[in-house]
N, C-alpha and C. Protein backbone atom coordinates (compact mmCIF):
# COMPACT_ATOMS: atom_id res chain seq x y z
N MET A 1 0.01 -13.22 19.59
CA MET A 1 -1.10 -12.99 18.68
C MET A 1 -1.79 -11.65 19.00
N ILE A 2 -1.91 -11.34 20.29
CA ILE A 2 -2.55 -10.09 20.67
C ILE A 2 -1.77 -8.89 20.16
N VAL A 3 -0.45 -8.96 20.25
CA VAL A 3 0.39 -7.86 19.75
C VAL A 3 0.22 -7.71 18.24
N VAL A 4 0.15 -8.81 17.53
CA VAL A 4 0.03 -8.76 16.06
C VAL A 4 -1.34 -8.26 15.64
N VAL A 5 -2.40 -8.74 16.28
CA VAL A 5 -3.76 -8.41 15.87
C VAL A 5 -4.12 -6.97 16.22
N SER A 6 -3.54 -6.43 17.30
CA SER A 6 -3.92 -5.08 17.71
C SER A 6 -3.54 -4.08 16.61
N PRO A 7 -4.50 -3.24 16.24
CA PRO A 7 -4.25 -2.30 15.14
C PRO A 7 -3.12 -1.33 15.48
N GLY A 8 -2.23 -1.20 14.54
CA GLY A 8 -1.12 -0.27 14.65
C GLY A 8 -0.82 0.28 13.27
N VAL A 9 0.33 0.87 13.14
CA VAL A 9 0.69 1.52 11.89
C VAL A 9 0.82 0.50 10.75
N GLY A 10 1.33 -0.69 11.02
CA GLY A 10 1.44 -1.72 9.99
C GLY A 10 0.09 -2.16 9.47
N VAL A 11 -0.86 -2.32 10.38
CA VAL A 11 -2.22 -2.70 9.98
C VAL A 11 -2.83 -1.59 9.13
N LEU A 12 -2.67 -0.34 9.57
CA LEU A 12 -3.22 0.77 8.79
C LEU A 12 -2.62 0.83 7.40
N TYR A 13 -1.33 0.62 7.32
CA TYR A 13 -0.66 0.65 6.02
C TYR A 13 -1.19 -0.47 5.11
N THR A 14 -1.35 -1.65 5.66
CA THR A 14 -1.85 -2.79 4.87
C THR A 14 -3.29 -2.56 4.44
N LEU A 15 -4.12 -2.02 5.33
CA LEU A 15 -5.51 -1.70 4.97
C LEU A 15 -5.56 -0.68 3.85
N ALA A 16 -4.74 0.36 3.96
CA ALA A 16 -4.72 1.40 2.92
C ALA A 16 -4.28 0.82 1.58
N ALA A 17 -3.29 -0.09 1.61
CA ALA A 17 -2.84 -0.72 0.36
C ALA A 17 -3.95 -1.56 -0.25
N GLY A 18 -4.67 -2.30 0.57
CA GLY A 18 -5.78 -3.12 0.07
C GLY A 18 -6.89 -2.29 -0.51
N LEU A 19 -7.22 -1.17 0.16
CA LEU A 19 -8.29 -0.30 -0.33
C LEU A 19 -7.89 0.44 -1.60
N SER A 20 -6.64 0.88 -1.66
CA SER A 20 -6.25 1.71 -2.80
C SER A 20 -5.84 0.90 -4.02
N GLN A 21 -5.24 -0.29 -3.81
CA GLN A 21 -4.70 -1.02 -4.95
C GLN A 21 -5.20 -2.44 -5.09
N GLY A 22 -5.93 -2.95 -4.12
CA GLY A 22 -6.48 -4.28 -4.26
C GLY A 22 -5.72 -5.37 -3.52
N PRO A 23 -6.12 -6.61 -3.75
CA PRO A 23 -5.58 -7.73 -2.97
C PRO A 23 -4.07 -7.95 -3.12
N ARG A 24 -3.57 -7.83 -4.33
CA ARG A 24 -2.13 -8.09 -4.53
C ARG A 24 -1.29 -7.09 -3.74
N ALA A 25 -1.65 -5.81 -3.80
CA ALA A 25 -0.90 -4.78 -3.07
C ALA A 25 -0.99 -5.00 -1.57
N SER A 26 -2.13 -5.50 -1.09
CA SER A 26 -2.25 -5.73 0.35
C SER A 26 -1.32 -6.86 0.80
N ILE A 27 -1.17 -7.87 -0.04
CA ILE A 27 -0.26 -8.97 0.29
C ILE A 27 1.20 -8.48 0.25
N VAL A 28 1.50 -7.66 -0.76
CA VAL A 28 2.85 -7.10 -0.87
C VAL A 28 3.13 -6.19 0.34
N ALA A 29 2.16 -5.39 0.75
CA ALA A 29 2.32 -4.52 1.92
C ALA A 29 2.53 -5.35 3.18
N ALA A 30 1.77 -6.44 3.32
CA ALA A 30 1.94 -7.32 4.48
C ALA A 30 3.34 -7.92 4.49
N PHE A 31 3.83 -8.27 3.32
CA PHE A 31 5.19 -8.82 3.20
C PHE A 31 6.22 -7.76 3.62
N GLY A 32 6.04 -6.53 3.15
CA GLY A 32 6.95 -5.44 3.51
C GLY A 32 6.96 -5.18 5.01
N CYS A 33 5.77 -5.14 5.61
CA CYS A 33 5.68 -4.94 7.06
C CYS A 33 6.36 -6.08 7.81
N THR A 34 6.20 -7.30 7.30
CA THR A 34 6.85 -8.45 7.93
C THR A 34 8.36 -8.35 7.81
N LEU A 35 8.86 -7.94 6.65
CA LEU A 35 10.31 -7.74 6.50
C LEU A 35 10.83 -6.67 7.44
N GLY A 36 9.99 -5.69 7.75
CA GLY A 36 10.37 -4.62 8.66
C GLY A 36 10.61 -5.09 10.09
N ILE A 37 10.26 -6.33 10.37
CA ILE A 37 10.50 -6.91 11.69
C ILE A 37 11.96 -7.35 11.82
N LEU A 38 12.57 -7.72 10.70
CA LEU A 38 13.94 -8.25 10.73
C LEU A 38 14.95 -7.34 11.44
N PRO A 39 14.95 -6.03 11.18
CA PRO A 39 15.91 -5.19 11.91
C PRO A 39 15.71 -5.22 13.43
N HIS A 40 14.46 -5.35 13.87
CA HIS A 40 14.19 -5.44 15.31
C HIS A 40 14.74 -6.74 15.89
N ILE A 41 14.58 -7.81 15.13
CA ILE A 41 15.12 -9.10 15.57
C ILE A 41 16.65 -9.00 15.64
N ALA A 42 17.25 -8.46 14.60
CA ALA A 42 18.71 -8.34 14.58
C ALA A 42 19.20 -7.46 15.72
N ALA A 43 18.48 -6.37 15.99
CA ALA A 43 18.87 -5.48 17.09
C ALA A 43 18.77 -6.19 18.43
N ALA A 44 17.71 -6.94 18.62
CA ALA A 44 17.55 -7.67 19.89
C ALA A 44 18.64 -8.71 20.05
N LEU A 45 18.94 -9.43 18.97
CA LEU A 45 19.98 -10.46 19.06
C LEU A 45 21.37 -9.87 19.25
N ALA A 46 21.59 -8.69 18.68
CA ALA A 46 22.90 -8.06 18.79
C ALA A 46 23.06 -7.26 20.08
N GLY A 47 21.99 -7.15 20.84
CA GLY A 47 22.06 -6.40 22.08
C GLY A 47 21.80 -4.92 21.90
N LEU A 48 21.47 -4.51 20.67
CA LEU A 48 21.18 -3.10 20.44
C LEU A 48 19.91 -2.66 21.15
N ALA A 49 18.99 -3.60 21.35
CA ALA A 49 17.77 -3.26 22.07
C ALA A 49 18.11 -2.78 23.48
N ALA A 50 19.10 -3.40 24.09
CA ALA A 50 19.53 -2.99 25.43
C ALA A 50 20.09 -1.57 25.40
N ILE A 51 20.77 -1.22 24.32
CA ILE A 51 21.32 0.13 24.19
C ILE A 51 20.17 1.14 24.12
N PHE A 52 19.14 0.83 23.32
CA PHE A 52 17.99 1.72 23.24
C PHE A 52 17.29 1.85 24.58
N TYR A 53 17.28 0.75 25.33
CA TYR A 53 16.65 0.78 26.64
C TYR A 53 17.48 1.62 27.61
N ALA A 54 18.79 1.47 27.55
CA ALA A 54 19.68 2.16 28.48
C ALA A 54 19.96 3.61 28.07
N SER A 55 19.97 3.90 26.79
CA SER A 55 20.34 5.23 26.31
C SER A 55 19.11 6.05 25.95
N ALA A 56 18.91 7.11 26.70
CA ALA A 56 17.78 7.99 26.43
C ALA A 56 17.92 8.66 25.06
N VAL A 57 19.14 9.03 24.69
CA VAL A 57 19.36 9.71 23.41
C VAL A 57 19.03 8.78 22.24
N ALA A 58 19.50 7.53 22.31
CA ALA A 58 19.22 6.58 21.23
C ALA A 58 17.72 6.31 21.13
N PHE A 59 17.07 6.13 22.27
CA PHE A 59 15.63 5.86 22.26
C PHE A 59 14.87 7.07 21.70
N GLN A 60 15.23 8.28 22.17
CA GLN A 60 14.54 9.48 21.71
C GLN A 60 14.74 9.68 20.21
N THR A 61 15.93 9.40 19.71
CA THR A 61 16.21 9.54 18.28
C THR A 61 15.32 8.62 17.47
N LEU A 62 15.27 7.34 17.85
CA LEU A 62 14.41 6.39 17.15
C LEU A 62 12.95 6.80 17.26
N LYS A 63 12.55 7.23 18.45
CA LYS A 63 11.17 7.62 18.68
C LYS A 63 10.78 8.78 17.77
N TYR A 64 11.61 9.81 17.70
CA TYR A 64 11.24 10.97 16.90
C TYR A 64 11.36 10.72 15.39
N LEU A 65 12.22 9.82 14.99
CA LEU A 65 12.23 9.40 13.58
C LEU A 65 10.90 8.71 13.25
N GLY A 66 10.43 7.88 14.17
CA GLY A 66 9.13 7.22 13.99
C GLY A 66 7.99 8.22 13.91
N VAL A 67 8.00 9.21 14.81
CA VAL A 67 6.96 10.25 14.80
C VAL A 67 6.99 10.99 13.47
N ALA A 68 8.19 11.37 13.02
CA ALA A 68 8.32 12.09 11.75
C ALA A 68 7.78 11.27 10.59
N TYR A 69 8.10 9.97 10.58
CA TYR A 69 7.63 9.13 9.47
C TYR A 69 6.10 8.99 9.50
N LEU A 70 5.52 8.86 10.69
CA LEU A 70 4.06 8.78 10.79
C LEU A 70 3.41 10.07 10.31
N LEU A 71 4.00 11.20 10.63
CA LEU A 71 3.46 12.48 10.17
C LEU A 71 3.58 12.61 8.65
N VAL A 72 4.67 12.10 8.09
CA VAL A 72 4.82 12.09 6.62
C VAL A 72 3.73 11.23 6.00
N LEU A 73 3.48 10.06 6.59
CA LEU A 73 2.41 9.19 6.07
C LEU A 73 1.05 9.89 6.15
N ALA A 74 0.79 10.60 7.25
CA ALA A 74 -0.47 11.33 7.40
C ALA A 74 -0.59 12.41 6.33
N TRP A 75 0.50 13.16 6.11
CA TRP A 75 0.50 14.22 5.12
C TRP A 75 0.25 13.66 3.72
N ARG A 76 0.95 12.57 3.39
CA ARG A 76 0.75 11.94 2.08
C ARG A 76 -0.68 11.47 1.91
N THR A 77 -1.25 10.91 2.96
CA THR A 77 -2.61 10.40 2.91
C THR A 77 -3.60 11.53 2.63
N LEU A 78 -3.41 12.65 3.29
CA LEU A 78 -4.31 13.79 3.07
C LEU A 78 -4.07 14.47 1.73
N ARG A 79 -2.81 14.61 1.36
CA ARG A 79 -2.44 15.39 0.17
C ARG A 79 -2.79 14.68 -1.13
N GLU A 80 -2.53 13.39 -1.18
CA GLU A 80 -2.72 12.66 -2.42
C GLU A 80 -4.07 11.97 -2.45
N LYS A 81 -4.70 12.04 -3.59
CA LYS A 81 -5.90 11.25 -3.78
C LYS A 81 -5.54 9.77 -3.76
N GLY A 82 -4.33 9.45 -4.12
CA GLY A 82 -3.89 8.08 -4.24
C GLY A 82 -3.87 7.30 -2.95
N ALA A 83 -3.99 7.96 -1.81
CA ALA A 83 -3.97 7.23 -0.55
C ALA A 83 -5.12 6.24 -0.48
N LEU A 84 -6.27 6.61 -1.07
CA LEU A 84 -7.39 5.68 -1.08
C LEU A 84 -8.14 5.68 -2.41
N MET A 85 -7.66 6.39 -3.38
CA MET A 85 -8.32 6.42 -4.67
C MET A 85 -7.33 5.98 -5.74
N PRO A 86 -7.74 5.08 -6.64
CA PRO A 86 -6.81 4.60 -7.65
C PRO A 86 -6.59 5.63 -8.74
N ASP A 87 -5.50 6.35 -8.70
CA ASP A 87 -5.13 7.23 -9.79
C ASP A 87 -3.82 6.71 -10.38
N GLU A 88 -3.29 7.43 -11.35
CA GLU A 88 -2.07 6.94 -12.00
C GLU A 88 -0.91 6.79 -11.03
N ASP A 89 -0.81 7.71 -10.06
CA ASP A 89 0.27 7.65 -9.08
C ASP A 89 0.23 6.35 -8.28
N THR A 90 -0.94 6.02 -7.79
CA THR A 90 -1.07 4.85 -6.92
C THR A 90 -0.95 3.56 -7.71
N ILE A 91 -1.62 3.50 -8.85
CA ILE A 91 -1.57 2.28 -9.64
C ILE A 91 -0.15 2.03 -10.13
N GLY A 92 0.60 3.12 -10.36
CA GLY A 92 1.96 2.99 -10.85
C GLY A 92 2.97 2.59 -9.78
N ARG A 93 2.55 2.50 -8.52
CA ARG A 93 3.50 2.11 -7.47
C ARG A 93 3.92 0.67 -7.70
N THR A 94 5.21 0.47 -7.69
CA THR A 94 5.73 -0.88 -7.90
C THR A 94 5.66 -1.68 -6.61
N ASN A 95 5.79 -2.99 -6.75
CA ASN A 95 5.83 -3.84 -5.56
C ASN A 95 6.99 -3.42 -4.66
N ARG A 96 8.08 -3.05 -5.28
CA ARG A 96 9.25 -2.65 -4.50
C ARG A 96 8.95 -1.42 -3.65
N GLN A 97 8.27 -0.43 -4.23
CA GLN A 97 7.91 0.77 -3.48
C GLN A 97 6.98 0.45 -2.32
N VAL A 98 6.02 -0.43 -2.55
CA VAL A 98 5.09 -0.83 -1.50
C VAL A 98 5.85 -1.56 -0.39
N ILE A 99 6.78 -2.43 -0.77
CA ILE A 99 7.57 -3.18 0.22
C ILE A 99 8.45 -2.24 1.03
N VAL A 100 9.14 -1.32 0.35
CA VAL A 100 10.03 -0.38 1.05
C VAL A 100 9.23 0.44 2.06
N SER A 101 8.06 0.92 1.67
CA SER A 101 7.23 1.69 2.60
C SER A 101 6.81 0.82 3.78
N GLY A 102 6.44 -0.43 3.51
CA GLY A 102 6.06 -1.35 4.59
C GLY A 102 7.20 -1.62 5.55
N VAL A 103 8.40 -1.79 5.00
CA VAL A 103 9.58 -2.01 5.84
C VAL A 103 9.81 -0.78 6.72
N LEU A 104 9.75 0.42 6.13
CA LEU A 104 9.97 1.64 6.90
C LEU A 104 8.92 1.83 7.99
N VAL A 105 7.67 1.48 7.66
CA VAL A 105 6.61 1.57 8.65
C VAL A 105 6.97 0.77 9.90
N ASN A 106 7.49 -0.43 9.71
CA ASN A 106 7.80 -1.27 10.87
C ASN A 106 9.17 -1.03 11.46
N ILE A 107 10.11 -0.52 10.69
CA ILE A 107 11.40 -0.17 11.29
C ILE A 107 11.20 0.91 12.35
N PHE A 108 10.34 1.87 12.05
CA PHE A 108 10.09 2.97 12.99
C PHE A 108 8.94 2.68 13.94
N ASN A 109 8.52 1.44 14.02
CA ASN A 109 7.41 1.06 14.90
C ASN A 109 7.95 0.74 16.29
N PRO A 110 7.72 1.61 17.26
CA PRO A 110 8.27 1.38 18.59
C PRO A 110 7.63 0.19 19.29
N LYS A 111 6.42 -0.17 18.89
CA LYS A 111 5.76 -1.34 19.48
C LYS A 111 6.62 -2.58 19.26
N LEU A 112 7.21 -2.68 18.09
CA LEU A 112 8.07 -3.83 17.80
C LEU A 112 9.36 -3.80 18.60
N ALA A 113 9.96 -2.61 18.70
CA ALA A 113 11.20 -2.50 19.50
C ALA A 113 10.93 -2.92 20.94
N LEU A 114 9.83 -2.46 21.49
CA LEU A 114 9.50 -2.83 22.87
C LEU A 114 9.18 -4.31 22.99
N PHE A 115 8.50 -4.85 21.98
CA PHE A 115 8.17 -6.28 22.00
C PHE A 115 9.43 -7.13 22.05
N PHE A 116 10.38 -6.82 21.17
CA PHE A 116 11.60 -7.63 21.11
C PHE A 116 12.56 -7.31 22.26
N LEU A 117 12.39 -6.16 22.88
CA LEU A 117 13.24 -5.80 24.01
C LEU A 117 12.69 -6.36 25.32
N ALA A 118 11.41 -6.14 25.57
CA ALA A 118 10.87 -6.43 26.89
C ALA A 118 10.04 -7.70 26.98
N PHE A 119 9.34 -8.04 25.93
CA PHE A 119 8.38 -9.14 26.04
C PHE A 119 8.96 -10.48 25.62
N LEU A 120 9.44 -10.57 24.41
CA LEU A 120 9.90 -11.85 23.87
C LEU A 120 11.03 -12.49 24.68
N PRO A 121 12.02 -11.73 25.15
CA PRO A 121 13.10 -12.35 25.92
C PRO A 121 12.64 -13.04 27.21
N GLN A 122 11.46 -12.70 27.70
CA GLN A 122 10.94 -13.36 28.90
C GLN A 122 10.71 -14.85 28.69
N PHE A 123 10.57 -15.24 27.45
CA PHE A 123 10.29 -16.64 27.12
C PHE A 123 11.55 -17.41 26.76
N VAL A 124 12.70 -16.79 26.96
CA VAL A 124 13.97 -17.44 26.68
C VAL A 124 14.71 -17.60 28.01
N ASP A 125 15.02 -18.83 28.34
CA ASP A 125 15.75 -19.12 29.58
C ASP A 125 17.19 -18.61 29.43
N PRO A 126 17.63 -17.71 30.34
CA PRO A 126 18.99 -17.16 30.21
C PRO A 126 20.08 -18.22 30.39
N HIS A 127 19.74 -19.37 30.97
CA HIS A 127 20.72 -20.44 31.17
C HIS A 127 20.69 -21.48 30.05
N ASP A 128 19.79 -21.32 29.11
CA ASP A 128 19.68 -22.24 27.98
C ASP A 128 20.88 -22.04 27.06
N PRO A 129 21.65 -23.09 26.78
CA PRO A 129 22.80 -22.92 25.89
C PRO A 129 22.40 -22.60 24.44
N HIS A 130 21.13 -22.81 24.11
CA HIS A 130 20.63 -22.56 22.75
C HIS A 130 19.66 -21.37 22.74
N ARG A 131 19.90 -20.38 23.60
CA ARG A 131 18.96 -19.27 23.71
C ARG A 131 18.87 -18.45 22.41
N LEU A 132 19.95 -18.36 21.67
CA LEU A 132 19.91 -17.65 20.39
C LEU A 132 18.96 -18.35 19.42
N LEU A 133 19.06 -19.67 19.36
CA LEU A 133 18.17 -20.45 18.50
C LEU A 133 16.71 -20.31 18.95
N THR A 134 16.50 -20.34 20.26
CA THR A 134 15.14 -20.19 20.79
C THR A 134 14.58 -18.82 20.42
N MET A 135 15.39 -17.78 20.56
CA MET A 135 14.95 -16.43 20.21
C MET A 135 14.63 -16.34 18.72
N LEU A 136 15.43 -16.98 17.88
CA LEU A 136 15.16 -17.00 16.44
C LEU A 136 13.86 -17.74 16.13
N GLN A 137 13.62 -18.85 16.83
CA GLN A 137 12.38 -19.60 16.61
C GLN A 137 11.16 -18.77 17.01
N LEU A 138 11.23 -18.14 18.17
CA LEU A 138 10.12 -17.31 18.62
C LEU A 138 9.90 -16.13 17.67
N SER A 139 10.98 -15.55 17.21
CA SER A 139 10.89 -14.43 16.27
C SER A 139 10.27 -14.87 14.94
N SER A 140 10.61 -16.07 14.50
CA SER A 140 10.04 -16.61 13.26
C SER A 140 8.54 -16.82 13.39
N VAL A 141 8.11 -17.32 14.54
CA VAL A 141 6.67 -17.49 14.78
C VAL A 141 5.98 -16.14 14.75
N PHE A 142 6.58 -15.13 15.38
CA PHE A 142 6.01 -13.79 15.38
C PHE A 142 5.89 -13.25 13.96
N MET A 143 6.93 -13.45 13.15
CA MET A 143 6.90 -12.98 11.76
C MET A 143 5.81 -13.70 10.96
N ALA A 144 5.69 -15.01 11.14
CA ALA A 144 4.67 -15.77 10.42
C ALA A 144 3.28 -15.29 10.80
N LEU A 145 3.04 -15.09 12.10
CA LEU A 145 1.75 -14.58 12.56
C LEU A 145 1.47 -13.20 11.97
N THR A 146 2.48 -12.36 11.97
CA THR A 146 2.31 -11.01 11.42
C THR A 146 1.90 -11.08 9.95
N PHE A 147 2.58 -11.89 9.17
CA PHE A 147 2.26 -11.98 7.75
C PHE A 147 0.83 -12.48 7.55
N VAL A 148 0.46 -13.55 8.23
CA VAL A 148 -0.87 -14.13 8.06
C VAL A 148 -1.97 -13.15 8.48
N VAL A 149 -1.81 -12.52 9.63
CA VAL A 149 -2.83 -11.58 10.12
C VAL A 149 -2.92 -10.35 9.21
N PHE A 150 -1.77 -9.81 8.81
CA PHE A 150 -1.79 -8.63 7.95
C PHE A 150 -2.39 -8.94 6.58
N VAL A 151 -2.10 -10.11 6.04
CA VAL A 151 -2.73 -10.51 4.78
C VAL A 151 -4.24 -10.58 4.96
N GLY A 152 -4.68 -11.12 6.09
CA GLY A 152 -6.13 -11.17 6.38
C GLY A 152 -6.75 -9.78 6.40
N TYR A 153 -6.10 -8.87 7.12
CA TYR A 153 -6.59 -7.48 7.15
C TYR A 153 -6.61 -6.88 5.74
N GLY A 154 -5.53 -7.07 5.01
CA GLY A 154 -5.42 -6.48 3.67
C GLY A 154 -6.44 -7.04 2.70
N LEU A 155 -6.64 -8.36 2.74
CA LEU A 155 -7.62 -8.97 1.83
C LEU A 155 -9.04 -8.55 2.19
N PHE A 156 -9.31 -8.38 3.47
CA PHE A 156 -10.62 -7.86 3.87
C PHE A 156 -10.82 -6.45 3.30
N ALA A 157 -9.80 -5.60 3.46
CA ALA A 157 -9.90 -4.24 2.92
C ALA A 157 -10.08 -4.27 1.40
N ALA A 158 -9.34 -5.15 0.73
CA ALA A 158 -9.45 -5.25 -0.73
C ALA A 158 -10.85 -5.72 -1.14
N SER A 159 -11.45 -6.59 -0.34
CA SER A 159 -12.80 -7.07 -0.67
C SER A 159 -13.84 -5.96 -0.52
N MET A 160 -13.55 -4.97 0.30
CA MET A 160 -14.46 -3.84 0.50
C MET A 160 -14.18 -2.70 -0.48
N ARG A 161 -13.17 -2.87 -1.27
CA ARG A 161 -12.68 -1.81 -2.16
C ARG A 161 -13.76 -1.25 -3.08
N LYS A 162 -14.50 -2.11 -3.76
CA LYS A 162 -15.53 -1.63 -4.70
C LYS A 162 -16.60 -0.82 -3.97
N HIS A 163 -16.97 -1.27 -2.79
CA HIS A 163 -17.98 -0.56 -2.01
C HIS A 163 -17.48 0.82 -1.59
N VAL A 164 -16.22 0.89 -1.23
CA VAL A 164 -15.64 2.15 -0.78
C VAL A 164 -15.41 3.09 -1.96
N LEU A 165 -14.85 2.57 -3.05
CA LEU A 165 -14.53 3.41 -4.20
C LEU A 165 -15.76 3.98 -4.89
N SER A 166 -16.89 3.34 -4.73
CA SER A 166 -18.10 3.83 -5.39
C SER A 166 -18.78 4.94 -4.60
N ARG A 167 -18.25 5.28 -3.44
CA ARG A 167 -18.85 6.32 -2.60
C ARG A 167 -17.81 7.42 -2.31
N PRO A 168 -17.88 8.52 -3.03
CA PRO A 168 -16.88 9.59 -2.85
C PRO A 168 -16.80 10.12 -1.41
N ARG A 169 -17.92 10.24 -0.73
CA ARG A 169 -17.89 10.74 0.64
C ARG A 169 -17.16 9.77 1.57
N VAL A 170 -17.36 8.50 1.33
CA VAL A 170 -16.67 7.49 2.14
C VAL A 170 -15.16 7.58 1.90
N LEU A 171 -14.77 7.83 0.64
CA LEU A 171 -13.35 7.97 0.33
C LEU A 171 -12.71 9.12 1.10
N VAL A 172 -13.39 10.25 1.12
CA VAL A 172 -12.87 11.41 1.84
C VAL A 172 -12.77 11.08 3.33
N TRP A 173 -13.80 10.47 3.88
CA TRP A 173 -13.82 10.10 5.29
C TRP A 173 -12.71 9.10 5.61
N MET A 174 -12.53 8.10 4.74
CA MET A 174 -11.48 7.10 4.96
C MET A 174 -10.10 7.74 4.91
N ARG A 175 -9.87 8.61 3.93
CA ARG A 175 -8.57 9.26 3.81
C ARG A 175 -8.28 10.09 5.05
N ARG A 176 -9.25 10.84 5.51
CA ARG A 176 -9.06 11.65 6.72
C ARG A 176 -8.88 10.77 7.96
N SER A 177 -9.61 9.66 8.01
CA SER A 177 -9.48 8.74 9.16
C SER A 177 -8.09 8.13 9.22
N PHE A 178 -7.58 7.68 8.07
CA PHE A 178 -6.23 7.11 8.05
C PHE A 178 -5.20 8.17 8.43
N ALA A 179 -5.34 9.37 7.89
CA ALA A 179 -4.40 10.45 8.23
C ALA A 179 -4.48 10.76 9.72
N GLY A 180 -5.69 10.84 10.25
CA GLY A 180 -5.87 11.09 11.69
C GLY A 180 -5.29 9.98 12.54
N ALA A 181 -5.44 8.74 12.08
CA ALA A 181 -4.88 7.61 12.83
C ALA A 181 -3.35 7.66 12.84
N PHE A 182 -2.75 8.03 11.70
CA PHE A 182 -1.29 8.16 11.65
C PHE A 182 -0.82 9.27 12.60
N VAL A 183 -1.55 10.39 12.62
CA VAL A 183 -1.19 11.50 13.53
C VAL A 183 -1.36 11.05 14.98
N ALA A 184 -2.46 10.34 15.28
CA ALA A 184 -2.69 9.87 16.66
C ALA A 184 -1.60 8.91 17.10
N LEU A 185 -1.22 8.00 16.21
CA LEU A 185 -0.13 7.07 16.55
C LEU A 185 1.19 7.82 16.75
N GLY A 186 1.40 8.85 15.93
CA GLY A 186 2.60 9.68 16.11
C GLY A 186 2.58 10.42 17.43
N ALA A 187 1.43 10.96 17.81
CA ALA A 187 1.32 11.66 19.10
C ALA A 187 1.53 10.71 20.27
N LYS A 188 0.96 9.51 20.15
CA LYS A 188 1.15 8.51 21.20
C LYS A 188 2.62 8.13 21.31
N LEU A 189 3.26 7.98 20.19
CA LEU A 189 4.69 7.67 20.18
C LEU A 189 5.52 8.80 20.76
N ALA A 190 5.13 10.04 20.46
CA ALA A 190 5.90 11.19 20.94
C ALA A 190 5.93 11.27 22.45
N VAL A 191 4.88 10.79 23.11
CA VAL A 191 4.85 10.85 24.58
C VAL A 191 5.26 9.53 25.23
N ALA A 192 5.64 8.55 24.40
CA ALA A 192 6.03 7.24 24.95
C ALA A 192 7.32 7.35 25.74
N ALA A 193 7.35 6.63 26.84
CA ALA A 193 8.57 6.59 27.67
C ALA A 193 9.28 5.28 27.42
N ARG A 194 10.58 5.24 27.80
CA ARG A 194 11.36 4.01 27.60
C ARG A 194 10.81 2.92 28.41
């Protein structure tokens, strides 16, 4: 629960969706971020997480792809009014586009890779003949928690939407804050070690 609740790129993305497009978009964004966990689960189950842990090149490649994507999100947030203001571009975003962005946000989220590599396996007995099933059960609980918590964050942001949209200065501040947070998360990721 602590890993899920702690603010990260998925939370920021869900908050931005709630503020810019309302409650439905925040739920769709939460769903996309939750789907973005599946590749991490598959990688952990397939042993790819061990490769990322053992291979500096593989880890660095994933890390810098994540940094690049966070910087793209920061640039989009600053460049477009749509990051926090409802214009035709933002309102026209389909559920599919919101989901794809949410999936990408979490695919490049190193916090998830580390969670499924280092933390979650500690709760699976290596001598358990059903360790794959146990890992799937634990992963399912993590996904359910992620969806519920992110929906909560998104709905809270959506409930504040009218208050935020009615204040132009707050909009500018929020857009810059989200962009700054994406850059800060990218910088933190850039210096992360295996």
